[in-house]
Protein backbone atom coordinates (compact mmCIF):
# COMPACT_ATOMS: atom_id res chain seq x y z
CA UNK A 1 7.11 2.38 15.76
CA UNK A 2 3.77 0.21 16.47
CA UNK A 3 0.87 1.54 17.42
CA UNK A 4 -1.93 -1.30 18.83
CA UNK A 5 -5.66 0.30 19.71
CA UNK A 6 -7.28 -2.50 21.84
CA UNK A 7 -10.80 -0.44 22.43
CA UNK A 8 -10.56 -0.14 26.78
CA UNK A 9 -6.90 -0.99 26.94
CA UNK A 10 -3.79 1.27 27.65
CA UNK A 11 -1.08 -0.09 25.23
CA UNK A 12 2.45 1.41 25.93
CA UNK A 13 5.26 1.06 23.02
CA UNK A 14 9.11 3.28 23.14
CA UNK A 15 9.38 5.81 20.48
CA UNK A 16 13.22 6.54 19.31
CA UNK A 17 14.80 9.07 18.52
CA UNK A 18 18.19 10.12 17.98
CA UNK A 19 17.85 12.25 21.76
CA UNK A 20 17.05 8.95 23.63
CA UNK A 21 13.84 7.24 24.02
CA UNK A 22 10.24 8.35 24.93
CA UNK A 23 7.80 5.83 26.64
CA UNK A 24 4.34 6.37 25.34
CA UNK A 25 1.38 4.91 25.68
CA UNK A 26 -2.08 4.73 24.26
CA UNK A 27 -5.95 4.21 26.01
CA UNK A 28 -8.43 3.96 23.43
CA UNK A 29 -12.17 4.86 24.00
CA UNK A 30 -13.01 3.67 20.91
CA UNK A 31 -12.13 1.90 17.54
CA UNK A 32 -14.70 0.84 14.48
CA UNK A 33 -14.31 -0.24 11.39
CA UNK A 34 -17.81 -0.06 9.14
CA UNK A 35 -18.07 -1.22 5.15
CA UNK A 36 -20.14 0.53 2.98
CA UNK A 37 -21.88 -1.71 0.27
CA UNK A 38 -24.89 -0.57 -1.69
CA UNK A 39 -25.90 -0.15 -5.15
CA UNK A 40 -24.61 3.30 -5.02
CA UNK A 41 -20.97 3.47 -3.18
CA UNK A 42 -18.93 0.96 -1.80
CA UNK A 43 -16.39 2.05 0.96
CA UNK A 44 -15.13 2.07 4.48
CA UNK A 45 -15.03 4.13 7.88
CA UNK A 46 -12.82 3.97 10.42
CA UNK A 47 -12.96 5.99 13.83
CA UNK A 48 -10.28 5.93 16.64
CA UNK A 49 -10.84 7.49 19.69
CA UNK A 50 -8.16 8.03 21.83
CA UNK A 51 -5.72 9.33 24.66
CA UNK A 52 -1.61 9.79 24.22
CA UNK A 53 0.36 9.60 27.12
CA UNK A 54 4.13 10.63 27.28
CA UNK A 55 6.54 9.59 30.19
CA UNK A 56 2.74 8.03 31.72
CA UNK A 57 0.81 11.83 31.68
CA UNK A 58 -1.72 12.77 29.74
CA UNK A 59 -0.86 14.82 26.60
CA UNK A 60 -3.37 14.23 24.24
CA UNK A 61 -7.07 13.43 23.62
CA UNK A 62 -7.34 12.74 19.96
CA UNK A 63 -10.09 11.78 17.48
CA UNK A 64 -10.00 10.44 13.96
CA UNK A 65 -12.64 9.80 11.63
CA UNK A 66 -11.84 8.38 8.09
CA UNK A 67 -14.20 7.72 5.15
CA UNK A 68 -13.01 6.71 2.34
CA UNK A 69 -15.67 6.10 -1.20
């Protein structure tokens, strides 16, 4: 299963299970990647803010923030 996060767009995919397929889609509110490069630290910050739809029904609002140093 592959997810594509495009800011301001809704993308659809099929989640395949042993019980059948589920139509899912993601609407991306925010997608941001920033790099930290200073004399004291190196790293990356990743932000994903999206809605998850199951069978065209809004199911979850998610926000993921990852910071690596």
